[in-house]
Amino acid sequence: MSDVLELVDVSVVRDGRALVDDVSWSVKEGERWVILGPNGAGKTTLLNIASSYLFPSTGSAKILGERLGGVGTDVFELRPRIGIAGVAMAEKLPKRQTVLQTVLTAAYGMTATWHEDYEAVDEERARAFLDRLGMTEFLDRKFGTLSEGERKRTLIARAMMTDPELLLLDEPAAGLDLGGREDLVRRLGRLARDPYAPSMVMVTHHVEEIAPGFTHVLMIRQGKVLAAGPMETELSSRNLSLCFGLPLVVEHHGDRYTARGLPLGG
């Protein structure tokens, strides 16, 4: 399998501080990765590099065979091959647009409708992705009136619209109540287990948000990688404790994970 994403000795420095520090990491075709770590660990910085919107200060980053900053690399041709769903994208989208329009605009690499004429195949694709994410009843609803869970599902449908080779999810379950989280995790699990779905990278800081079908985990703390590899070997109590800086126990129930702190004196 070829590498979809390859970082070699990557650091990002801002105001003298390393947001990520000497990170080497690769994602191969078909893999589904979770980036796990506390707030401020560098998770979103890694995702911004993977999306080609942030260049490393040092080291090299190759995305879908294209080296960031390399001769002949056009990020404007690269970016449509990458699907992104997260808070930053939600903030760019007009609240007055309908759910269907919000997803359709991705076909043209835009955030708002202008004077485009969408083809029937574009609308069919948008409707199919929205149906897959349980949003068929909301096609004509304004994006700004959606609940947090409905908004998250719309963003994932939008990210899939360009048939991306890499799908990046930035804390997709953040802000959801228990029911919303479980519904989204179930839908992400279906997507992750689909052999025709793109390679996926999801950022989170809760192991309970890891959907079935995700295969690998990268743990990061203070910009440095603590562990990276298959979920079943790397998502351990020891590694999670080191990552979050306190004693934690990881438990595996069926195809889901939970974590809890040890009692004081335990």
Protein backbone atom coordinates (compact mmCIF):
# COMPACT_ATOMS: atom_id res chain seq x y z
CA MET A 1 0.00 0.00 0.00
CA SER A 2 1.22 3.47 -0.84
CA ASP A 3 1.40 6.34 1.61
CA VAL A 4 -1.51 8.78 1.55
CA LEU A 5 0.28 11.00 4.05
CA GLU A 6 3.96 10.99 5.02
CA LEU A 7 5.55 13.34 7.55
CA VAL A 8 9.30 13.13 8.14
CA ASP A 9 10.90 15.05 11.04
CA VAL A 10 8.18 17.72 10.86
CA SER A 11 8.19 20.66 13.26
CA VAL A 12 5.96 23.74 13.28
CA VAL A 13 7.31 26.68 15.28
CA ARG A 14 5.32 29.80 16.15
CA ASP A 15 6.72 32.63 18.32
CA GLY A 16 9.59 30.42 19.41
CA ARG A 17 7.30 27.58 20.52
CA ALA A 18 7.09 24.22 18.76
CA LEU A 19 3.43 23.34 18.14
CA VAL A 20 4.60 19.98 16.82
CA ASP A 21 8.15 18.81 17.34
CA ASP A 22 10.09 16.41 15.10
CA VAL A 23 7.06 14.32 14.09
CA SER A 24 7.46 11.39 11.71
CA TRP A 25 4.22 9.62 10.77
CA SER A 26 2.67 7.93 7.75
CA VAL A 27 -0.87 6.96 6.76
CA LYS A 28 -1.34 4.27 4.12
CA GLU A 29 -4.25 3.70 1.77
CA GLY A 30 -7.28 2.29 3.53
CA GLU A 31 -6.10 3.06 7.05
CA ARG A 32 -8.34 4.91 9.52
CA TRP A 33 -6.32 6.86 12.09
CA VAL A 34 -7.28 8.61 15.31
CA ILE A 35 -5.07 11.43 16.60
CA LEU A 36 -5.49 11.40 20.36
CA GLY A 37 -4.16 13.85 22.95
CA PRO A 38 -5.00 16.60 25.43
CA ASN A 39 -5.88 20.17 24.50
CA GLY A 40 -2.89 22.01 23.07
CA ALA A 41 -1.02 18.81 22.20
CA GLY A 42 -0.69 19.66 18.49
CA LYS A 43 -3.54 17.53 17.10
CA THR A 44 -5.17 20.25 15.00
CA THR A 45 -1.75 21.45 13.82
CA LEU A 46 -1.10 17.98 12.37
CA LEU A 47 -4.51 18.03 10.70
CA ASN A 48 -3.79 21.45 9.19
CA ILE A 49 -0.60 20.07 7.68
CA ALA A 50 -2.47 17.02 6.36
CA SER A 51 -4.99 19.38 4.71
CA SER A 52 -2.14 21.38 3.04
CA TYR A 53 -3.22 24.61 4.75
CA LEU A 54 -0.14 24.69 6.99
CA PHE A 55 3.45 24.10 5.89
CA PRO A 56 6.09 22.67 8.23
CA SER A 57 8.78 24.98 9.60
CA THR A 58 11.25 22.11 9.20
CA GLY A 59 11.01 18.58 7.85
CA SER A 60 8.98 17.33 4.90
CA ALA A 61 5.32 16.57 4.35
CA LYS A 62 3.98 14.58 1.42
CA ILE A 63 0.24 14.38 0.83
CA LEU A 64 -1.24 12.07 -1.83
CA GLY A 65 2.16 11.87 -3.46
CA GLU A 66 2.69 15.66 -3.54
CA ARG A 67 5.38 17.28 -1.40
CA LEU A 68 4.29 20.49 0.32
CA GLY A 69 6.48 23.30 -0.96
CA GLY A 70 7.93 21.05 -3.65
CA VAL A 71 8.59 22.13 -7.22
CA GLY A 72 5.48 21.54 -9.32
CA THR A 73 3.14 21.04 -6.36
CA ASP A 74 -0.06 23.07 -6.72
CA VAL A 75 -1.98 23.05 -3.44
CA PHE A 76 -5.07 24.34 -5.25
CA GLU A 77 -5.13 21.13 -7.29
CA LEU A 78 -4.30 19.03 -4.22
CA ARG A 79 -6.96 20.41 -1.85
CA PRO A 80 -10.05 19.11 -3.75
CA ARG A 81 -8.62 15.61 -3.22
CA ILE A 82 -8.87 16.12 0.56
CA GLY A 83 -12.20 16.22 2.42
CA ILE A 84 -12.30 18.29 5.62
CA ALA A 85 -15.01 18.49 8.29
CA GLY A 86 -14.55 20.58 11.41
CA VAL A 87 -15.41 23.77 13.27
CA ALA A 88 -13.18 25.91 11.03
CA MET A 89 -15.13 24.82 7.94
CA ALA A 90 -18.50 25.31 9.66
CA GLU A 91 -17.61 28.93 10.42
CA LYS A 92 -17.00 29.64 6.72
CA LEU A 93 -20.40 28.39 5.56
CA PRO A 94 -23.35 30.80 5.14
CA LYS A 95 -26.04 30.11 7.73
CA ARG A 96 -28.81 31.10 5.28
CA GLN A 97 -28.05 28.28 2.82
CA THR A 98 -30.07 25.10 2.89
CA VAL A 99 -28.50 21.81 3.89
CA LEU A 100 -28.60 20.62 0.27
CA GLN A 101 -26.95 23.83 -0.99
CA THR A 102 -24.29 23.58 1.74
CA VAL A 103 -23.26 20.15 0.47
CA LEU A 104 -23.63 20.99 -3.23
CA THR A 105 -21.23 23.96 -3.10
CA ALA A 106 -18.39 21.55 -2.28
CA ALA A 107 -18.67 20.16 -5.83
CA TYR A 108 -17.27 23.49 -7.08
CA GLY A 109 -14.84 24.00 -4.20
CA MET A 110 -16.91 26.91 -2.90
CA THR A 111 -18.54 27.73 0.42
CA ALA A 112 -21.47 29.75 -0.92
CA THR A 113 -23.77 29.51 -3.94
CA TRP A 114 -23.25 32.07 -6.67
CA HIS A 115 -24.62 31.47 -10.17
CA GLU A 116 -23.58 27.87 -10.63
CA ASP A 117 -25.74 25.38 -12.47
CA TYR A 118 -25.40 22.07 -10.69
CA GLU A 119 -25.70 18.93 -12.74
CA ALA A 120 -28.22 16.26 -11.85
CA VAL A 121 -25.40 13.91 -10.90
CA ASP A 122 -24.10 16.46 -8.36
CA GLU A 123 -27.49 16.71 -6.68
CA GLU A 124 -27.87 12.93 -6.66
CA ARG A 125 -24.49 12.57 -4.94
CA ALA A 126 -25.32 15.25 -2.38
CA ARG A 127 -28.66 13.64 -1.58
CA ALA A 128 -27.03 10.19 -1.30
CA PHE A 129 -24.39 11.36 1.18
CA LEU A 130 -26.96 13.27 3.23
CA ASP A 131 -29.20 10.20 3.29
CA ARG A 132 -26.29 8.07 4.46
CA LEU A 133 -25.82 10.46 7.38
CA GLY A 134 -29.49 10.62 8.30
CA MET A 135 -30.13 14.12 6.92
CA THR A 136 -32.76 13.44 4.22
CA GLU A 137 -35.51 15.13 6.25
CA PHE A 138 -33.42 18.31 6.56
CA LEU A 139 -32.56 19.07 2.92
CA ASP A 140 -34.44 22.38 2.86
CA ARG A 141 -33.55 23.47 6.38
CA LYS A 142 -31.21 26.45 6.74
CA PHE A 143 -27.72 25.44 7.87
CA GLY A 144 -27.81 28.04 10.65
CA THR A 145 -30.93 26.50 12.22
CA LEU A 146 -29.48 23.00 12.62
CA SER A 147 -28.61 21.40 15.93
CA GLU A 148 -24.95 20.69 16.61
CA GLY A 149 -25.35 17.03 15.67
CA GLU A 150 -27.19 17.85 12.43
CA ARG A 151 -24.52 20.36 11.53
CA LYS A 152 -21.73 17.83 12.09
CA ARG A 153 -23.44 15.28 9.86
CA THR A 154 -23.96 17.88 7.13
CA LEU A 155 -20.26 18.79 7.25
CA ILE A 156 -19.20 15.16 6.83
CA ALA A 157 -21.55 14.77 3.84
CA ARG A 158 -20.05 17.95 2.39
CA ALA A 159 -16.50 16.64 2.90
CA MET A 160 -17.38 13.49 0.94
CA MET A 161 -18.81 15.41 -2.02
CA THR A 162 -15.57 15.65 -4.02
CA ASP A 163 -14.89 11.91 -3.68
CA PRO A 164 -11.75 12.65 -1.62
CA GLU A 165 -8.78 10.33 -1.33
CA LEU A 166 -8.20 11.51 2.26
CA LEU A 167 -10.92 12.46 4.76
CA LEU A 168 -9.97 14.64 7.76
CA LEU A 169 -12.34 14.95 10.72
CA ASP A 170 -11.53 17.55 13.38
CA GLU A 171 -13.30 16.60 16.64
CA PRO A 172 -16.54 15.58 14.88
CA ALA A 173 -18.30 14.69 18.14
CA ALA A 174 -17.30 17.84 20.06
CA GLY A 175 -20.26 19.61 21.64
CA LEU A 176 -22.70 16.73 21.16
CA ASP A 177 -24.86 15.27 23.91
CA LEU A 178 -24.72 11.54 24.58
CA GLY A 179 -27.40 10.66 22.06
CA GLY A 180 -25.87 12.84 19.35
CA ARG A 181 -22.42 11.41 20.00
CA GLU A 182 -23.59 7.81 19.82
CA ASP A 183 -25.55 8.45 16.63
CA LEU A 184 -22.53 10.06 14.99
CA VAL A 185 -20.12 7.34 16.18
CA ARG A 186 -22.45 4.70 14.72
CA ARG A 187 -22.55 6.47 11.34
CA LEU A 188 -18.78 7.05 11.32
CA GLY A 189 -18.34 3.35 12.10
CA ARG A 190 -20.29 2.42 8.97
CA LEU A 191 -18.16 4.79 6.92
CA ALA A 192 -14.89 3.55 8.43
CA ARG A 193 -15.76 -0.06 7.64
CA ASP A 194 -16.68 0.71 4.04
CA PRO A 195 -13.80 -0.62 1.87
CA TYR A 196 -14.54 2.05 -0.75
CA ALA A 197 -14.31 4.94 1.72
CA PRO A 198 -11.16 7.09 1.62
CA SER A 199 -8.33 6.90 4.11
CA MET A 200 -9.42 8.74 7.25
CA VAL A 201 -7.81 10.76 10.03
CA MET A 202 -9.91 11.88 13.00
CA VAL A 203 -8.82 14.19 15.82
CA THR A 204 -10.31 13.67 19.29
CA HIS A 205 -9.39 13.73 22.97
CA HIS A 206 -11.98 11.16 24.07
CA VAL A 207 -11.47 7.44 23.43
CA GLU A 208 -15.27 7.02 23.68
CA GLU A 209 -15.56 8.90 20.39
CA ILE A 210 -13.46 6.35 18.47
CA ALA A 211 -15.80 4.64 16.01
CA PRO A 212 -15.61 0.93 15.20
CA GLY A 213 -13.53 0.41 12.07
CA PHE A 214 -10.76 2.83 12.99
CA THR A 215 -7.53 0.88 12.72
CA HIS A 216 -4.66 3.01 14.07
CA VAL A 217 -3.94 5.60 16.74
CA LEU A 218 -1.37 8.39 17.02
CA MET A 219 -0.92 9.77 20.54
CA ILE A 220 0.64 13.18 20.91
CA ARG A 221 1.56 15.30 23.94
CA GLN A 222 3.21 18.74 23.92
CA GLY A 223 3.89 18.40 20.21
CA LYS A 224 5.72 15.08 20.43
CA VAL A 225 4.53 11.64 19.34
CA LEU A 226 4.24 9.22 22.26
CA ALA A 227 2.84 6.24 20.36
CA ALA A 228 1.73 5.39 16.83
CA GLY A 229 0.46 2.15 15.37
CA PRO A 230 -2.41 -0.36 15.38
CA MET A 231 -5.21 0.43 17.81
CA GLU A 232 -5.10 -2.95 19.54
CA THR A 233 -1.46 -2.60 20.58
CA GLU A 234 -0.99 1.16 21.05
CA LEU A 235 -4.23 2.21 22.73
CA SER A 236 -3.12 0.93 26.12
CA SER A 237 -3.57 2.18 29.68
CA ARG A 238 0.15 2.94 29.89
CA ASN A 239 0.25 4.98 26.70
CA LEU A 240 -2.95 6.86 27.48
CA SER A 241 -1.69 7.69 30.99
CA LEU A 242 1.54 9.10 29.55
CA CYS A 243 -0.41 11.03 26.94
CA PHE A 244 -2.79 12.75 29.38
CA GLY A 245 -0.41 12.96 32.31
CA LEU A 246 -2.39 11.05 34.94
CA PRO A 247 -3.15 7.39 35.74
CA LEU A 248 -5.84 6.08 33.36
CA VAL A 249 -7.31 2.70 32.59
CA VAL A 250 -8.43 1.86 29.05
CA GLU A 251 -11.15 -0.73 28.69
CA HIS A 252 -12.22 -2.44 25.48
CA HIS A 253 -15.86 -3.51 25.25
CA GLY A 254 -16.76 -5.21 21.98
CA ASP A 255 -15.77 -2.70 19.30
CA ARG A 256 -15.67 0.39 21.54
CA TYR A 257 -13.21 1.88 24.02
CA THR A 258 -13.68 3.69 27.33
CA ALA A 259 -11.20 5.31 29.71
CA ARG A 260 -11.41 6.21 33.38
CA GLY A 261 -9.07 7.63 35.97
CA LEU A 262 -7.77 5.51 38.84
CA PRO A 263 -9.13 6.47 42.27
CA LEU A 264 -6.85 8.53 44.48
CA GLY A 265 -4.40 6.22 46.19
CA GLY A 266 -5.18 3.47 43.64
